[in-house]
Protein backbone atom coordinates (compact mmCIF):
# COMPACT_ATOMS: atom_id res chain seq x y z
CA VAL A 1 -3.65 -74.16 26.74
CA SER A 2 -1.19 -74.71 23.95
CA ALA A 3 0.38 -77.86 22.56
CA ARG A 4 3.78 -76.20 22.94
CA VAL A 5 3.44 -75.85 26.72
CA PRO A 6 2.76 -78.83 29.03
CA VAL A 7 -0.20 -78.31 31.34
CA LEU A 8 0.28 -78.55 35.11
CA LEU A 9 -2.81 -78.92 37.29
CA PRO A 10 -1.62 -78.98 40.92
CA LEU A 11 -4.45 -79.49 43.39
CA VAL A 12 -4.58 -79.53 47.18
CA GLY A 13 -7.25 -80.25 49.75
CA VAL A 14 -7.37 -84.03 49.23
CA PRO A 15 -6.30 -86.01 52.33
CA PRO A 16 -3.34 -88.17 51.31
CA ALA A 17 -4.98 -91.15 53.02
CA SER A 18 -7.98 -90.77 50.69
CA MET A 19 -5.94 -91.14 47.52
CA PRO A 20 -6.57 -94.30 45.45
CA SER A 21 -4.39 -97.20 46.53
CA ASP A 22 -3.19 -97.71 42.95
CA ALA A 23 -2.25 -94.05 42.39
CA LYS A 24 1.29 -93.67 41.15
CA PRO A 25 3.84 -90.87 41.62
CA ALA A 26 2.93 -87.90 39.45
CA GLY A 27 4.42 -88.02 36.00
CA THR A 28 6.08 -85.10 34.27
CA PRO A 29 4.37 -84.04 31.03
CA THR A 30 6.34 -83.13 27.94
CA ALA A 31 5.35 -80.99 24.98
CA THR A 32 3.98 -82.90 22.00
CA GLU A 33 4.79 -82.34 18.33
CA ASP A 34 1.47 -83.51 16.86
CA GLY A 35 -0.66 -80.71 18.32
CA ARG A 36 -2.03 -82.70 21.24
CA ILE A 37 -2.18 -81.25 24.77
CA ALA A 38 -0.19 -83.10 27.44
CA GLY A 39 -0.48 -82.44 31.13
CA THR A 40 -0.52 -83.76 34.67
CA ALA A 41 -3.06 -83.42 37.49
CA TRP A 42 -1.62 -84.31 40.85
CA LEU A 43 -1.87 -83.73 44.58
CA ASP A 44 0.65 -80.97 45.14
CA PHE A 45 1.29 -81.91 48.76
CA THR A 46 4.21 -83.79 50.23
CA ARG A 47 3.45 -85.66 53.43
CA GLY A 48 5.93 -84.73 56.13
CA GLY A 49 6.84 -81.45 54.49
CA GLY A 50 9.28 -80.54 51.77
CA GLY A 51 8.62 -80.35 48.08
CA LYS A 52 8.12 -77.33 45.87
CA PRO A 53 4.80 -75.76 44.87
CA ASN A 54 3.64 -76.32 41.28
CA VAL A 55 6.32 -78.93 40.72
CA THR A 56 5.76 -82.71 40.48
CA ASP A 57 7.90 -83.98 43.36
CA PRO A 58 8.76 -87.70 43.54
CA ARG A 59 6.60 -88.35 46.62
CA GLU A 60 3.49 -86.63 45.25
CA LEU A 61 0.80 -88.80 43.71
CA GLY A 62 -1.17 -88.31 40.53
CA LEU A 63 -4.92 -87.76 40.76
CA LYS A 64 -6.05 -90.91 39.02
CA GLY A 65 -9.39 -90.70 37.22
CA ILE A 66 -9.92 -86.94 37.53
CA ALA A 67 -11.86 -85.56 34.56
CA ILE A 68 -10.48 -82.71 32.47
CA GLU A 69 -12.49 -80.87 29.81
CA ALA A 70 -11.37 -78.49 27.09
CA VAL A 71 -13.90 -75.70 26.56
CA ARG A 72 -14.08 -73.31 23.62
CA ASP A 73 -16.89 -70.76 23.14
CA GLY A 74 -18.84 -72.38 25.95
CA LYS A 75 -18.75 -75.86 24.39
CA VAL A 76 -16.72 -78.90 25.44
CA VAL A 77 -14.50 -79.83 22.50
CA ALA A 78 -12.58 -82.63 24.22
CA SER A 79 -12.47 -84.49 27.51
CA VAL A 80 -10.21 -87.03 29.14
CA ARG A 81 -9.52 -88.72 32.48
CA ALA A 82 -6.09 -88.74 34.05
CA GLY A 83 -4.15 -91.96 34.34
CA ALA A 84 -2.74 -93.55 37.49
CA ASP A 85 0.16 -91.09 37.51
CA GLY A 86 -2.11 -88.12 36.79
CA THR A 87 -0.94 -87.65 33.22
CA PHE A 88 -3.42 -87.00 30.43
CA THR A 89 -3.41 -86.19 26.74
CA LEU A 90 -6.07 -84.18 24.93
CA PRO A 91 -6.49 -84.25 21.13
CA ALA A 92 -5.33 -81.42 18.90
CA ALA A 93 -8.86 -79.98 18.92
CA ALA A 94 -8.14 -78.73 22.45
CA ASP A 95 -5.31 -76.46 21.31
CA GLY A 96 -6.17 -72.89 22.31
CA ALA A 97 -9.11 -73.95 24.49
CA VAL A 98 -9.58 -73.40 28.21
CA LEU A 99 -9.24 -76.39 30.51
CA ARG A 100 -11.96 -77.01 33.07
CA LEU A 101 -12.30 -79.48 35.92
CA PRO A 102 -16.01 -80.50 36.00
CA ALA A 103 -17.84 -80.13 39.29
CA ASP A 104 -18.43 -83.91 39.40
CA ASN A 105 -14.76 -84.30 40.28
CA PHE A 106 -15.40 -82.63 43.63
CA ARG A 107 -18.89 -83.94 44.28
CA GLU A 108 -19.31 -85.92 47.47
CA PRO A 109 -20.22 -89.54 46.65
CA TYR A 110 -23.55 -90.72 48.02
CA ASN A 111 -23.23 -93.51 50.59
CA GLY A 112 -26.62 -93.32 52.35
CA VAL A 113 -29.93 -95.12 51.95
CA SER A 114 -30.92 -95.85 48.36
CA TRP A 115 -34.19 -93.89 48.36
CA LEU A 116 -32.24 -90.67 48.91
CA GLY A 117 -29.68 -91.42 46.22
CA PRO A 118 -29.55 -89.73 42.81
CA SER A 119 -32.00 -92.16 41.19
CA LEU A 120 -34.79 -92.07 43.80
CA VAL A 121 -34.45 -88.75 45.61
CA THR A 122 -36.89 -86.95 43.27
CA PRO A 123 -39.69 -89.56 43.67
CA ALA A 124 -39.06 -89.48 47.43
CA ILE A 125 -39.55 -85.71 47.51
CA ILE A 126 -42.65 -85.96 45.30
CA GLY A 127 -44.11 -88.55 47.68
CA SER A 128 -43.40 -86.31 50.67
CA TYR A 129 -45.04 -83.34 48.96
CA VAL A 130 -48.14 -85.36 48.03
CA TRP A 131 -48.41 -86.68 51.58
CA MET A 132 -48.08 -83.16 53.01
CA TRP A 133 -50.72 -81.54 50.78
CA ALA A 134 -53.13 -84.43 50.17
CA GLY A 135 -55.01 -83.65 53.39
CA PHE A 136 -55.53 -80.01 52.38
CA ALA A 137 -56.83 -80.98 48.95
CA MET A 138 -59.09 -83.72 50.31
CA VAL A 139 -60.68 -81.43 52.92
CA LEU A 140 -61.58 -78.82 50.27
CA ILE A 141 -62.83 -81.41 47.78
CA ALA A 142 -64.86 -83.18 50.47
CA ALA A 143 -66.44 -79.85 51.47
CA GLY A 144 -67.28 -79.19 47.82
CA LEU A 145 -68.82 -82.65 47.40
CA ALA A 146 -70.96 -82.09 50.49
CA SER A 147 -72.43 -78.97 48.89
CA VAL A 148 -73.41 -80.70 45.63
CA PRO A 149 -77.23 -80.99 45.52
CA ARG A 150 -78.21 -84.62 45.83
CA GLU A 151 -81.43 -83.96 43.89
CA LEU A 152 -79.46 -83.29 40.70
CA LEU A 153 -77.52 -86.53 41.05
CA GLU A 154 -80.67 -88.58 41.68
CA ALA A 155 -82.48 -86.88 38.78
CA ALA A 156 -79.63 -87.76 36.42
CA ARG A 157 -79.68 -91.39 37.54
CA VAL A 158 -83.46 -91.55 37.09
CA ASP A 159 -83.02 -90.22 33.53
CA GLY A 160 -80.71 -93.17 32.80
CA ALA A 161 -77.29 -91.57 33.17
CA SER A 162 -74.44 -93.89 34.14
CA GLU A 163 -72.24 -93.17 37.14
CA TRP A 164 -69.46 -91.96 34.86
CA GLN A 165 -71.86 -89.59 33.09
CA VAL A 166 -73.14 -88.31 36.44
CA PHE A 167 -69.59 -87.70 37.58
CA ARG A 168 -68.45 -86.04 34.33
CA ARG A 169 -71.57 -84.00 33.49
CA ILE A 170 -72.80 -83.00 36.97
CA THR A 171 -70.33 -83.61 39.80
CA VAL A 172 -67.22 -82.17 38.12
CA PRO A 173 -68.90 -78.98 36.75
CA LEU A 174 -70.46 -78.25 40.16
CA LEU A 175 -67.14 -78.98 41.85
CA ALA A 176 -65.10 -76.89 39.37
CA PRO A 177 -64.67 -73.81 41.65
CA VAL A 178 -63.22 -75.98 44.42
CA LEU A 179 -60.97 -77.86 41.98
CA VAL A 180 -59.66 -74.56 40.60
CA VAL A 181 -58.80 -73.36 44.14
CA VAL A 182 -56.95 -76.58 44.88
CA LEU A 183 -55.15 -76.56 41.51
CA VAL A 184 -54.07 -72.92 41.74
CA THR A 185 -52.86 -73.28 45.33
CA LEU A 186 -50.84 -76.40 44.60
CA MET A 187 -49.35 -74.92 41.42
CA ILE A 188 -48.10 -71.87 43.30
CA ASN A 189 -46.67 -74.08 46.05
CA VAL A 190 -44.95 -76.35 43.54
CA LEU A 191 -43.31 -73.40 41.79
CA LYS A 192 -41.83 -72.07 45.02
CA ILE A 193 -41.06 -75.37 46.75
CA PHE A 194 -37.72 -75.14 48.52
CA ASP A 195 -37.76 -76.53 52.04
CA LEU A 196 -38.49 -80.17 51.17
CA VAL A 197 -35.72 -80.38 48.59
CA TYR A 198 -33.22 -78.56 50.79
CA ILE A 199 -33.95 -80.73 53.84
CA ILE A 200 -34.61 -84.17 52.34
CA ALA A 201 -31.97 -84.33 49.60
CA PRO A 202 -28.43 -84.82 50.97
CA GLY A 203 -25.73 -82.52 49.66
CA SER A 204 -24.42 -85.14 47.24
CA ALA A 205 -27.86 -85.63 45.64
CA GLN A 206 -29.24 -82.08 45.71
CA ASP A 207 -28.26 -81.41 42.10
CA ASP A 208 -30.33 -84.43 41.02
CA ALA A 209 -33.42 -83.04 42.81
CA ASN A 210 -32.78 -79.37 42.05
CA VAL A 211 -35.70 -76.96 41.58
CA LEU A 212 -35.89 -73.27 40.70
CA ALA A 213 -36.30 -72.03 44.27
CA LEU A 214 -33.35 -74.10 45.51
CA GLN A 215 -31.21 -72.91 42.60
CA LEU A 216 -32.24 -69.35 43.44
CA TYR A 217 -30.97 -69.84 47.00
CA GLN A 218 -27.73 -71.51 45.90
CA SER A 219 -27.04 -68.87 43.25
CA SER A 220 -27.70 -66.01 45.67
CA PHE A 221 -26.24 -67.29 48.94
CA GLY A 222 -24.23 -70.41 48.09
CA PRO A 223 -20.43 -70.77 48.09
CA ALA A 224 -20.27 -69.84 44.38
CA ALA A 225 -22.82 -67.03 44.62
CA ASP A 226 -23.72 -65.16 41.46
CA LEU A 227 -26.32 -62.52 42.26
CA GLY A 228 -27.02 -61.91 38.59
CA ILE A 229 -28.14 -65.51 38.05
CA GLY A 230 -30.06 -65.42 41.33
CA SER A 231 -31.92 -62.29 40.24
CA ALA A 232 -32.70 -63.79 36.84
CA ILE A 233 -34.17 -66.93 38.46
CA ALA A 234 -36.27 -64.75 40.80
CA VAL A 235 -37.70 -62.85 37.81
CA LEU A 236 -38.38 -66.15 36.02
CA LEU A 237 -40.28 -67.45 39.06
CA LEU A 238 -42.33 -64.26 39.12
CA LEU A 239 -43.21 -64.64 35.44
CA LEU A 240 -44.26 -68.26 36.01
CA VAL A 241 -46.48 -67.34 38.96
CA ILE A 242 -48.20 -64.36 37.26
CA PRO A 243 -50.45 -66.47 34.93
CA VAL A 244 -51.62 -68.54 37.90
CA MET A 245 -52.33 -65.37 39.86
CA VAL A 246 -54.32 -63.93 36.94
CA VAL A 247 -56.49 -67.06 36.79
CA ASN A 248 -57.08 -66.88 40.53
CA ILE A 249 -57.98 -63.17 40.44
CA ARG A 250 -60.46 -63.72 37.60
CA ARG A 251 -62.05 -66.57 39.53
CA ILE A 252 -62.44 -64.41 42.64
CA ARG A 253 -63.96 -61.53 40.65
CA GLY A 254 -66.40 -63.92 39.00
CA GLU A 255 -67.53 -65.23 42.38
CA VAL A 256 -67.95 -61.65 43.66
CA ARG A 257 -70.19 -60.74 40.69
CA ARG A 258 -72.39 -63.77 41.37
């Protein structure tokens, strides 16, 4: 954009009935002399037909409140929200930058139950995950506790050890192989979790509960697919899982030697 040329941002796809009640007819921007960027963002659609494309017709309304950002070298140098008639003015720092409409402008507002909203959707998914895998972990830990020799526990108590010392010095070391299995399994599952986030989080709150596996899916198969980013996320997931796999393989080899 340049201060010498007014910026026109005609948009479509917004139902006229959904426009704000206090939206005003789109204003016509004029070039400024102080280096600032002037422009208009409006609904380029005339109900009943007529009008010209990319021109602010009298019956077309401004997009009140839409956010506009000026980006240079990947950084936002200025931002503004359009007025009731869709007009906006960016400071002189935006001269020569590229204008961008942030994705939040087109994000569906959340109108459902509060525990699936942006502020609570992540704890809700964490609770679901814990509930789903708690049984698995408890079964393995209970089996490990059943195999702990009771003679060692009684001997420690006879020698004057407290219950905390018995737990820390005897129970946990003897239960360590089982705890490692549970920890490694849950870590791998956490790294590749996808289904819970995709199913539980509504579309308007998915970005607030996003995880690597979901971003991998969206980047590879979503409406704005970028296979390069999807491949990079897949490689990153592999690199994150490899250390866990190495620990698990060493544990298995150690058990085989015993």
